[in-house]
Amino acid sequence: MQSRLAALAAALLLSTGAAYAQQGAKKNGAPPAPAAQPAPAPTQPQADGAPGQPGWIVRCTSASREAPLECAMEQNAVLTKTGQTVILINIRIAPDTRTPIALLQLPLGLNLPVGAKLQVDEGKTFDLQIQTCESRGCYASTPIAADLLAVLRSGKQLKVSFQNMAKETIAIPMPLGDFAAAYDKIK
């Protein structure tokens, strides 16, 4: 499980920047990946220091030309003032079980025993256990149950919440307007 989580985290982190993708390509002897496109402007105006999101983005990669194409969808919330990632959510379909799996990258400085929570609109909360932390953030991974997938597809907003070290709850809203269309592309 730990090696699988490490592989998921590595894949997620490699897909987030062209520099990482090019380093991975050099190690594998593959041609360098094309430069990443700049992120679109936030969908809503954000105050300085407020998190902003461009929406769900679908990315497809393959380990080699012969390997099957694997697609994932992701959305991140960044601080507009600094460009720092606050939350990154990556959802992919596990090839062996065909089950959707979510990997969340959260910021450092969390109250780890509390974990993180997902909530769609004003519905039920889903608890996540934080599994590991490293220099870029802390990570939680979970299969997405059918009931959660249904509300993600029909909901308007996903709220990701966690506590900082001062035990203050921080809730980051993430729009779900284009979730269903992005999910249909990866399933």
Protein backbone atom coordinates (compact mmCIF):
# COMPACT_ATOMS: atom_id res chain seq x y z
CA MET A 1 0.00 0.00 0.00
CA GLN A 2 2.79 2.46 0.91
CA SER A 3 4.62 1.83 -2.36
CA ARG A 4 1.36 2.24 -4.28
CA LEU A 5 0.67 5.53 -2.46
CA ALA A 6 4.23 6.66 -3.15
CA ALA A 7 3.77 5.79 -6.83
CA LEU A 8 0.48 7.74 -6.95
CA ALA A 9 2.07 10.72 -5.23
CA ALA A 10 5.05 10.59 -7.58
CA ALA A 11 2.79 10.42 -10.64
CA LEU A 12 0.72 13.32 -9.35
CA LEU A 13 3.74 15.46 -8.62
CA LEU A 14 5.35 14.64 -11.97
CA SER A 15 2.21 15.73 -13.80
CA THR A 16 2.05 19.12 -12.07
CA GLY A 17 4.98 20.81 -13.76
CA ALA A 18 6.94 20.66 -16.97
CA ALA A 19 10.27 20.61 -15.14
CA TYR A 20 9.26 17.49 -13.25
CA ALA A 21 7.96 15.82 -16.41
CA GLN A 22 11.19 16.60 -18.26
CA GLN A 23 13.31 15.19 -15.41
CA GLY A 24 11.25 11.96 -15.45
CA ALA A 25 11.56 11.73 -19.23
CA LYS A 26 15.37 12.05 -19.06
CA LYS A 27 15.54 9.21 -16.53
CA ASN A 28 13.32 6.98 -18.69
CA GLY A 29 15.10 7.86 -21.93
CA ALA A 30 11.87 9.22 -23.38
CA PRO A 31 11.70 12.48 -25.29
CA PRO A 32 11.08 15.50 -23.07
CA ALA A 33 7.47 16.36 -22.44
CA PRO A 34 6.11 19.52 -24.01
CA ALA A 35 6.07 22.59 -21.79
CA ALA A 36 3.01 22.81 -19.58
CA GLN A 37 0.38 25.31 -20.57
CA PRO A 38 -0.06 28.20 -18.15
CA ALA A 39 -3.02 27.71 -15.85
CA PRO A 40 -6.16 29.54 -16.94
CA ALA A 41 -7.20 32.56 -14.91
CA PRO A 42 -9.36 31.79 -11.87
CA THR A 43 -13.04 31.43 -12.71
CA GLN A 44 -13.98 34.07 -10.15
CA PRO A 45 -12.09 37.19 -9.11
CA GLN A 46 -10.10 36.50 -5.95
CA ALA A 47 -8.87 38.89 -3.29
CA ASP A 48 -5.13 39.00 -2.70
CA GLY A 49 -4.09 35.89 -0.84
CA ALA A 50 -7.41 34.08 -1.49
CA PRO A 51 -7.37 30.65 -3.12
CA GLY A 52 -8.47 30.44 -6.76
CA GLN A 53 -9.15 27.47 -9.07
CA PRO A 54 -9.33 27.09 -12.86
CA GLY A 55 -11.69 24.04 -12.80
CA TRP A 56 -11.17 20.34 -13.52
CA ILE A 57 -8.43 19.50 -16.02
CA VAL A 58 -8.03 16.08 -17.70
CA ARG A 59 -4.50 14.79 -18.34
CA CYS A 60 -3.55 11.52 -20.03
CA THR A 61 -0.11 9.88 -19.87
CA SER A 62 1.54 6.60 -20.77
CA ALA A 63 4.69 4.98 -19.35
CA SER A 64 5.79 4.09 -22.91
CA ARG A 65 4.46 4.00 -26.46
CA GLU A 66 3.31 0.41 -25.94
CA ALA A 67 1.73 1.00 -22.51
CA PRO A 68 -1.96 1.85 -22.24
CA LEU A 69 -2.97 5.48 -21.85
CA GLU A 70 -3.98 6.38 -18.29
CA CYS A 71 -6.08 9.48 -17.73
CA ALA A 72 -6.73 11.48 -14.58
CA MET A 73 -8.60 14.64 -13.73
CA GLU A 74 -7.35 17.25 -11.32
CA GLN A 75 -8.13 20.58 -9.80
CA ASN A 76 -5.99 22.74 -7.58
CA ALA A 77 -6.54 25.71 -5.35
CA VAL A 78 -3.69 28.20 -5.28
CA LEU A 79 -3.07 31.40 -3.40
CA THR A 80 -3.39 34.10 -6.05
CA LYS A 81 -0.87 36.36 -4.33
CA THR A 82 1.96 33.78 -4.11
CA GLY A 83 0.96 31.01 -6.53
CA GLN A 84 1.37 28.46 -3.72
CA THR A 85 -0.74 25.31 -4.04
CA VAL A 86 -3.10 24.95 -1.09
CA ILE A 87 -4.92 21.82 -2.29
CA LEU A 88 -4.52 19.59 -5.32
CA ILE A 89 -7.05 16.83 -6.02
CA ASN A 90 -6.20 14.14 -8.57
CA ILE A 91 -8.83 11.53 -9.50
CA ARG A 92 -8.02 8.52 -11.65
CA ILE A 93 -9.65 5.20 -12.44
CA ALA A 94 -7.67 2.25 -11.03
CA PRO A 95 -6.92 -0.04 -14.03
CA ASP A 96 -7.32 -3.25 -12.02
CA THR A 97 -10.61 -2.49 -10.20
CA ARG A 98 -12.04 0.29 -12.44
CA THR A 99 -12.74 2.17 -9.20
CA PRO A 100 -12.15 5.94 -9.04
CA ILE A 101 -9.40 6.88 -6.59
CA ALA A 102 -8.75 10.37 -5.23
CA LEU A 103 -5.32 11.59 -4.16
CA LEU A 104 -5.25 14.88 -2.28
CA GLN A 105 -2.18 17.03 -1.72
CA LEU A 106 -2.71 19.28 1.30
CA PRO A 107 -0.42 21.94 2.78
CA LEU A 108 2.14 21.28 5.51
CA GLY A 109 1.39 22.32 9.10
CA LEU A 110 -1.75 20.24 9.56
CA ASN A 111 -3.22 18.74 12.70
CA LEU A 112 -2.58 15.21 11.38
CA PRO A 113 -4.76 13.15 13.79
CA VAL A 114 -7.88 15.05 12.65
CA GLY A 115 -7.27 14.28 8.97
CA ALA A 116 -9.24 16.01 6.24
CA LYS A 117 -12.92 16.08 5.27
CA LEU A 118 -14.76 16.28 1.97
CA GLN A 119 -18.26 17.71 1.74
CA VAL A 120 -20.37 18.36 -1.35
CA ASP A 121 -22.70 21.33 -0.99
CA GLU A 122 -24.33 20.97 2.45
CA GLY A 123 -24.39 17.15 2.39
CA LYS A 124 -22.71 14.38 4.33
CA THR A 125 -18.99 14.72 5.20
CA PHE A 126 -16.48 12.07 4.15
CA ASP A 127 -13.44 11.66 6.43
CA LEU A 128 -9.95 11.16 4.99
CA GLN A 129 -6.90 9.94 6.87
CA ILE A 130 -3.68 11.79 6.05
CA GLN A 131 -1.21 9.08 5.08
CA THR A 132 2.15 10.81 4.65
CA CYS A 133 3.86 14.19 4.40
CA GLU A 134 6.98 15.34 2.57
CA SER A 135 8.48 18.69 1.56
CA ARG A 136 5.68 19.60 -0.89
CA GLY A 137 2.75 18.77 1.39
CA CYS A 138 0.71 16.06 3.06
CA TYR A 139 -1.22 13.38 1.17
CA ALA A 140 -4.46 11.46 1.58
CA SER A 141 -5.74 8.84 -0.84
CA THR A 142 -9.12 7.13 -0.91
CA PRO A 143 -11.33 5.13 -3.25
CA ILE A 144 -14.40 7.16 -4.22
CA ALA A 145 -17.54 5.30 -3.17
CA ALA A 146 -20.58 5.31 -5.46
CA ASP A 147 -22.54 7.63 -3.14
CA LEU A 148 -19.72 10.21 -3.08
CA LEU A 149 -19.25 9.97 -6.86
CA ALA A 150 -22.98 10.59 -7.40
CA VAL A 151 -22.98 13.78 -5.29
CA LEU A 152 -19.71 14.99 -6.89
CA ARG A 153 -21.30 14.60 -10.35
CA SER A 154 -24.46 16.50 -9.40
CA GLY A 155 -23.10 18.95 -6.81
CA LYS A 156 -22.15 22.59 -7.19
CA GLN A 157 -19.23 22.85 -4.75
CA LEU A 158 -16.78 20.52 -3.01
CA LYS A 159 -15.45 21.75 0.31
CA VAL A 160 -12.12 20.32 1.50
CA SER A 161 -11.48 21.07 5.16
CA PHE A 162 -8.65 20.38 7.60
CA GLN A 163 -7.22 21.85 10.79
CA ASN A 164 -3.98 23.77 11.12
CA MET A 165 -1.62 23.26 14.07
CA ALA A 166 -3.60 25.85 16.09
CA LYS A 167 -6.67 23.58 15.63
CA GLU A 168 -8.43 26.17 13.46
CA THR A 169 -10.58 24.61 10.74
CA ILE A 170 -9.74 25.75 7.22
CA ALA A 171 -12.28 25.02 4.47
CA ILE A 172 -11.36 25.42 0.81
CA PRO A 173 -14.26 25.54 -1.70
CA MET A 174 -13.71 23.92 -5.11
CA PRO A 175 -16.27 24.28 -7.91
CA LEU A 176 -17.87 21.13 -9.35
CA GLY A 177 -19.55 22.69 -12.40
CA ASP A 178 -17.39 20.76 -14.89
CA PHE A 179 -16.75 17.66 -12.72
CA ALA A 180 -19.20 15.34 -14.54
CA ALA A 181 -17.85 16.23 -18.01
CA ALA A 182 -14.24 15.73 -16.88
CA TYR A 183 -15.10 12.43 -15.16
CA ASP A 184 -16.82 11.14 -18.31
CA LYS A 185 -13.53 11.70 -20.20
CA ILE A 186 -11.47 9.52 -17.81
CA LYS A 187 -13.85 6.62 -17.09
